[in-house]
Amino acid sequence: MHTYFPTFWPNGPNVDHSAATVHLSELLPAVGTTTAAYFERSDRVQVGETIRLIWNPPVSDLNGWSEQPSEIALSYLLIAIVVSDASAPIRTARDPRFLHEGKQTLALEILSCERLLTVLKASPAGSGDWRLLEIGGEQGVHLAWDEVSWCGKATVEGLIYLTANTRNETSLALLLAPDGDEIMGLFSLHIDPGGSEFGFGRRRLTADEKRSVQRALDRAHLLHDTQPAYLVTGDT
């Protein structure tokens, strides 16, 4: 099953983004409903395909987890069927024009919706079949994490969020669980001009991966939310 990070999740005209708070339930796509999302045309999502998607709250949807790391705990893993190409949803004041131009808008029927960290924490040891991607260069093949030019980190519900950029327009992210002298990886994201690669499931990093990731952790800047908390998750 293919995994996608949509470019943008439109929330519709009934959500008041000028309010000091907004209920998560007003934003999160509900199981059994049909919603829309914007994708890069290079994603090549097919009508009729069942796909896995990551849904983010508004601030991290626009700016990424690095700008609002607390929203990792409020991000969700969705399973959906691509129903059809959709007409563009009604724009709101929150929707910058560049988020729509040149994008593919798809209608999605939501089959399941689970909190991302709940799914990752429940994954058994050895369930991840992913690896950190390698790249080739003048000095041979090495991990993309060996080329980071900037990196940041934050702790979210006991997990370490590590994110990085390289000079080659590559964005990297990991969710990690320290385990004694070892490092367990739960989630990996690698985005470059050629597309994106996701890794899900708990696995122990290899010696080379651990060395590269530890070096990034040691130099990473501490990340903090750039905006005040605004999401209401309860019934009040």
Protein backbone atom coordinates (compact mmCIF):
# COMPACT_ATOMS: atom_id res chain seq x y z
CA MET A 1 0.00 0.00 0.00
CA HIS A 2 1.40 3.38 -1.00
CA THR A 3 1.77 6.12 1.61
CA TYR A 4 1.32 9.83 0.91
CA PHE A 5 1.77 13.13 2.70
CA PRO A 6 -0.80 15.30 0.85
CA THR A 7 0.40 18.79 -0.02
CA PHE A 8 -2.58 20.30 1.77
CA TRP A 9 -5.78 19.28 3.56
CA PRO A 10 -8.50 21.92 2.97
CA ASN A 11 -10.77 22.31 5.99
CA GLY A 12 -13.72 23.99 4.32
CA PRO A 13 -15.46 27.33 4.89
CA ASN A 14 -17.16 26.38 8.18
CA VAL A 15 -13.94 26.28 10.23
CA ASP A 16 -13.12 29.65 11.79
CA HIS A 17 -9.33 29.89 11.66
CA SER A 18 -9.43 33.36 13.21
CA ALA A 19 -10.73 31.87 16.47
CA ALA A 20 -8.29 31.37 19.36
CA THR A 21 -9.15 27.66 19.48
CA VAL A 22 -10.64 25.07 17.16
CA HIS A 23 -11.88 21.57 17.96
CA LEU A 24 -9.83 18.76 16.47
CA SER A 25 -13.06 16.92 15.64
CA GLU A 26 -14.03 19.78 13.29
CA LEU A 27 -10.86 19.25 11.27
CA LEU A 28 -10.11 15.53 11.31
CA PRO A 29 -11.68 13.53 8.45
CA ALA A 30 -14.21 11.08 9.91
CA VAL A 31 -14.46 7.40 8.99
CA GLY A 32 -17.21 6.84 6.44
CA THR A 33 -17.08 10.37 5.04
CA THR A 34 -15.64 11.65 1.79
CA THR A 35 -13.12 14.46 1.92
CA ALA A 36 -10.64 16.08 -0.45
CA ALA A 37 -6.89 16.62 -0.38
CA TYR A 38 -4.30 18.19 -2.67
CA PHE A 39 -1.46 16.10 -4.09
CA GLU A 40 1.54 16.80 -6.26
CA ARG A 41 0.87 15.54 -9.78
CA SER A 42 4.15 13.65 -9.56
CA ASP A 43 2.56 11.48 -6.83
CA ARG A 44 0.58 9.71 -9.58
CA VAL A 45 -2.24 8.66 -7.26
CA GLN A 46 -4.74 6.46 -9.11
CA VAL A 47 -8.54 6.57 -8.85
CA GLY A 48 -9.74 3.33 -7.23
CA GLU A 49 -6.48 2.84 -5.31
CA THR A 50 -6.51 2.20 -1.56
CA ILE A 51 -3.83 4.35 0.03
CA ARG A 52 -2.37 5.29 3.40
CA LEU A 53 -2.20 8.99 4.28
CA ILE A 54 -0.78 11.13 7.04
CA TRP A 55 -3.10 13.90 8.23
CA ASN A 56 -1.62 16.87 10.08
CA PRO A 57 -3.32 19.70 12.01
CA PRO A 58 -3.32 23.13 10.33
CA VAL A 59 0.00 24.62 11.49
CA SER A 60 2.10 21.56 10.69
CA ASP A 61 0.05 20.97 7.54
CA LEU A 62 1.26 24.33 6.24
CA ASN A 63 4.73 24.52 7.79
CA GLY A 64 5.76 20.99 8.76
CA TRP A 65 6.25 19.23 12.09
CA SER A 66 9.47 21.14 12.71
CA GLU A 67 7.45 24.35 13.23
CA GLN A 68 4.96 22.76 15.66
CA PRO A 69 6.42 19.47 16.93
CA SER A 70 3.65 19.00 19.51
CA GLU A 71 1.29 18.37 16.59
CA ILE A 72 3.01 15.06 15.87
CA ALA A 73 0.92 13.77 18.79
CA LEU A 74 -2.21 15.06 17.00
CA SER A 75 -1.37 13.67 13.57
CA TYR A 76 -3.33 10.71 12.24
CA LEU A 77 -2.80 7.75 9.94
CA LEU A 78 -5.68 7.31 7.51
CA ILE A 79 -6.61 4.54 5.10
CA ALA A 80 -8.73 5.75 2.20
CA ILE A 81 -10.02 4.81 -1.23
CA VAL A 82 -9.39 7.35 -3.97
CA VAL A 83 -12.93 7.92 -5.23
CA SER A 84 -12.33 10.38 -8.05
CA ASP A 85 -10.64 13.51 -9.25
CA ALA A 86 -12.45 16.25 -7.37
CA SER A 87 -13.28 19.81 -8.20
CA ALA A 88 -11.30 22.22 -6.05
CA PRO A 89 -12.95 22.73 -2.63
CA ILE A 90 -14.14 26.18 -1.65
CA ARG A 91 -11.14 28.24 -0.63
CA THR A 92 -10.89 29.89 2.74
CA ALA A 93 -8.71 32.73 3.98
CA ARG A 94 -6.32 30.06 5.28
CA ASP A 95 -5.66 28.64 1.81
CA PRO A 96 -2.71 30.40 0.14
CA ARG A 97 -3.04 30.40 -3.61
CA PHE A 98 0.22 28.52 -4.19
CA LEU A 99 -1.17 25.48 -2.37
CA HIS A 100 -3.76 24.99 -5.11
CA GLU A 101 -1.98 25.90 -8.32
CA GLY A 102 -0.81 22.93 -10.35
CA LYS A 103 -1.99 20.42 -7.76
CA GLN A 104 -4.22 17.39 -8.21
CA THR A 105 -7.34 17.43 -6.04
CA LEU A 106 -8.67 13.98 -5.15
CA ALA A 107 -11.84 12.88 -3.37
CA LEU A 108 -11.10 10.30 -0.67
CA GLU A 109 -13.45 7.92 1.14
CA ILE A 110 -12.04 7.46 4.65
CA LEU A 111 -11.92 3.80 5.75
CA SER A 112 -9.97 4.12 9.00
CA CYS A 113 -8.41 6.82 11.16
CA GLU A 114 -5.90 6.13 13.96
CA ARG A 115 -3.56 8.41 15.85
CA LEU A 116 -0.12 8.08 14.28
CA LEU A 117 1.85 7.73 17.53
CA THR A 118 -0.58 5.13 18.87
CA VAL A 119 -0.01 2.99 15.77
CA LEU A 120 3.76 3.40 15.87
CA LYS A 121 4.12 2.69 19.59
CA ALA A 122 2.05 -0.50 19.23
CA SER A 123 4.21 -1.85 16.39
CA PRO A 124 6.10 -4.99 17.52
CA ALA A 125 9.88 -5.30 17.35
CA GLY A 126 11.09 -6.31 13.92
CA SER A 127 7.89 -5.20 12.18
CA GLY A 128 9.65 -2.53 10.12
CA ASP A 129 11.15 -3.66 6.81
CA TRP A 130 12.50 -0.21 5.91
CA ARG A 131 16.09 1.04 5.76
CA LEU A 132 17.62 4.50 5.73
CA LEU A 133 18.23 5.37 2.09
CA GLU A 134 21.71 5.42 0.62
CA ILE A 135 22.95 7.82 -2.03
CA GLY A 136 25.92 7.70 -4.37
CA GLY A 137 28.54 10.40 -4.79
CA GLU A 138 32.17 11.06 -5.60
CA GLN A 139 33.18 9.35 -2.36
CA GLY A 140 31.03 6.29 -2.96
CA VAL A 141 27.74 5.15 -1.46
CA HIS A 142 26.71 6.51 1.93
CA LEU A 143 23.59 7.32 3.94
CA ALA A 144 21.64 10.47 3.15
CA TRP A 145 21.82 11.24 6.89
CA ASP A 146 25.60 11.65 6.48
CA GLU A 147 25.00 14.76 4.34
CA VAL A 148 22.74 16.81 6.62
CA SER A 149 23.39 20.56 6.63
CA TRP A 150 20.80 21.39 9.32
CA CYS A 151 18.96 19.23 11.82
CA GLY A 152 16.52 19.71 14.68
CA LYS A 153 14.99 17.50 17.35
CA ALA A 154 12.15 17.42 19.85
CA THR A 155 10.73 14.92 22.32
CA VAL A 156 7.07 14.00 21.84
CA GLU A 157 5.40 11.48 24.18
CA GLY A 158 8.75 9.88 24.97
CA LEU A 159 9.77 9.51 21.32
CA ILE A 160 12.49 11.55 19.64
CA TYR A 161 11.54 13.46 16.51
CA LEU A 162 14.63 14.14 14.39
CA THR A 163 14.44 16.15 11.19
CA ALA A 164 17.11 17.33 8.77
CA ASN A 165 17.81 18.98 5.43
CA THR A 166 20.70 18.42 3.05
CA ARG A 167 22.28 20.70 0.46
CA ASN A 168 20.81 18.46 -2.25
CA GLU A 169 17.19 19.48 -1.57
CA THR A 170 16.51 16.41 0.54
CA SER A 171 14.31 16.50 3.65
CA LEU A 172 14.58 13.73 6.24
CA ALA A 173 12.62 12.82 9.35
CA LEU A 174 12.67 10.03 11.92
CA LEU A 175 10.67 9.06 14.98
CA LEU A 176 12.98 7.17 17.33
CA ALA A 177 12.71 5.22 20.59
CA PRO A 178 15.95 4.87 22.60
CA ASP A 179 16.39 1.31 23.91
CA GLY A 180 19.41 1.14 26.21
CA ASP A 181 22.50 1.47 24.04
CA GLU A 182 20.45 0.88 20.90
CA ILE A 183 18.13 3.11 18.88
CA MET A 184 14.82 1.80 17.59
CA GLY A 185 13.31 3.45 14.55
CA LEU A 186 9.51 3.64 14.31
CA PHE A 187 9.01 5.95 11.32
CA SER A 188 11.18 7.28 8.51
CA LEU A 189 10.52 9.90 5.85
CA HIS A 190 12.83 10.76 2.95
CA ILE A 191 11.76 13.45 0.46
CA ASP A 192 13.89 14.55 -2.48
CA PRO A 193 13.19 15.93 -5.98
CA GLY A 194 12.51 12.37 -7.15
CA GLY A 195 9.67 11.75 -4.70
CA SER A 196 9.15 10.47 -1.17
CA GLU A 197 9.88 7.24 0.71
CA PHE A 198 8.18 6.22 3.96
CA GLY A 199 9.11 3.61 6.52
CA PHE A 200 6.70 2.29 9.18
CA GLY A 201 7.26 -0.21 11.96
CA ARG A 202 9.68 -0.81 14.82
CA ARG A 203 13.20 -1.89 13.88
CA ARG A 204 16.66 -1.63 15.40
CA LEU A 205 18.99 0.68 13.50
CA THR A 206 22.07 -0.96 12.03
CA ALA A 207 25.51 0.07 13.31
CA ASP A 208 26.04 2.42 10.34
CA GLU A 209 22.55 3.91 10.69
CA LYS A 210 23.00 4.39 14.43
CA ARG A 211 26.34 6.15 13.92
CA SER A 212 24.87 8.52 11.32
CA VAL A 213 21.70 9.25 13.31
CA GLN A 214 23.58 9.73 16.58
CA ARG A 215 25.84 12.27 14.91
CA ALA A 216 22.76 14.19 13.77
CA LEU A 217 21.20 13.97 17.24
CA ASP A 218 24.35 15.36 18.84
CA ARG A 219 24.34 18.47 16.63
CA ALA A 220 20.58 18.99 16.30
CA HIS A 221 18.91 22.20 17.48
CA LEU A 222 16.09 21.86 20.00
CA LEU A 223 12.75 22.53 18.32
CA HIS A 224 9.82 24.30 19.97
CA ASP A 225 6.29 25.17 18.89
CA THR A 226 6.23 28.46 17.02
CA GLN A 227 2.56 29.16 17.81
CA PRO A 228 0.45 28.88 20.99
CA ALA A 229 -1.68 25.78 21.49
CA TYR A 230 -5.01 26.21 19.68
CA LEU A 231 -6.45 22.70 19.25
CA VAL A 232 -9.18 21.46 21.60
CA THR A 233 -9.16 17.67 21.80
CA GLY A 234 -11.89 17.02 24.40
CA ASP A 235 -15.62 17.68 24.52
CA THR A 236 -15.32 21.11 26.13
